[in-house]
Amino acid sequence: MKENIKILFEHYLAGKTDPEQEKILMEYLADPANADSEFHGAMEKAWAKQTRETDYSRTAAQGLAQIWDKVEERQPKSRSLFPLLKYAAAIVVIISASLGWYAYQKTQQPVQTAITFLSKTTQKGEKVKLILPDSSIVYLGAGSKLTWPSHFVKGSLRSIRLEGEAFFEVKHDASSPFIVHSGQMQTQVLGTSFNIYAYPKDGTFSVAVRTGKVKVSENSAGKLKQLSLLTPGMKLSYHLKARNYTVSNERITEVNAWIKNSFAFKDISLPNMLKSLERYYNVHFEVKVHKLNQCRYNATFTNKNIGEVMEEIRVMSGKKMKYKIDTANKTITVWGEGCQ
């Protein structure tokens, strides 16, 4: 048995052991009944292959203290430690072995790590890419806020909160469903890509799926009511005041088009379109004629500056809408007879 352990120890120092072999070795070393004098030769050989740099890290120091405690516990007081200490050059190797034993002991105890919450808020005209603790990717749109935990617990829900717009590429984990809370709307997935639009002031939240499957529910006074299961190309629009919803189809390429500076609007009122443009371009609109609020548009703007966007909207209105851009104050005044 000792000969096998010695061979195993040599392999461990050379970094050639697998987890099962390391478990056997660490259990043997952790047993006070076992002396480790038979390992001196292996230590000396391993040390000859080591670099001359000493590890002064905090982890190494803690590991060395642990091994000295173990040595003192299992060595008889009458037994001299000088035969061991003459191998002073092998201290770094002892540290290496002790760190293995220390890591093994730590794996036998549950680790409780405090969870803190992080958040990111974007300004108008700003969008950022975030990587969550589980390696999921989030593209956070302008004027939005995302809140998430410092780490996710395996086997538990991965819950985050969104106010605004974001496109998610969620890493698949069947044991840990990924949930996005947006006001009264809750979106749950296992691993997929989808877009959420949830600006409270706009009155309508939406979820659109690019890949995979998404379950959207309404949270009312703590009670969840499933609204719909969405697959690629489907979009759910939830109306906050009426507390009802509609499901429609959308081109998959348009689900996250805003990431690449392409903005698609379908049958949208002018005020709501201008709200989105305010966030995307960091400008402020002043609409002088209320008749314009009745105008509705279908439009797609790709890599356009705000001046080009406004000119296209003017043309779509039959040139009945007029505008003036105040670049210095980032303000756009809109007026006119209405729309065609």
Foldseek 3Di string as FASTA:
>chain_A
DVVVLLVLLLCVLVVNDDPVSLVVNLVQLQDLVDDCPVNPVSLVVSLVVDDQDDDPDPLLVVLLVQVVVSCVVNDPPPDDCVVVCVVVSSSRVSSVVSSSSVVVVVVVDDDDDDKDKDKDAAAFQDWDWDQAQVRKIKIGAFGKMKMFINHDDFQEEREIEIAAKMKIFADADPSYWYWYDAPQKIKIDRGAIKMWGHHPVLQKIKIAGLADKMWMWGQDPNDTDTDDIDHHQKMKIAGNPVRHIDIDGHPSCQRPVVVQPKHWDDFAFPVSVVVVVCRNQVAAEAEDDPLSRPDTDTDMDGPDHPVVVVVVVCVQQVVQKDWDADPVRRYIYIYGDYGD
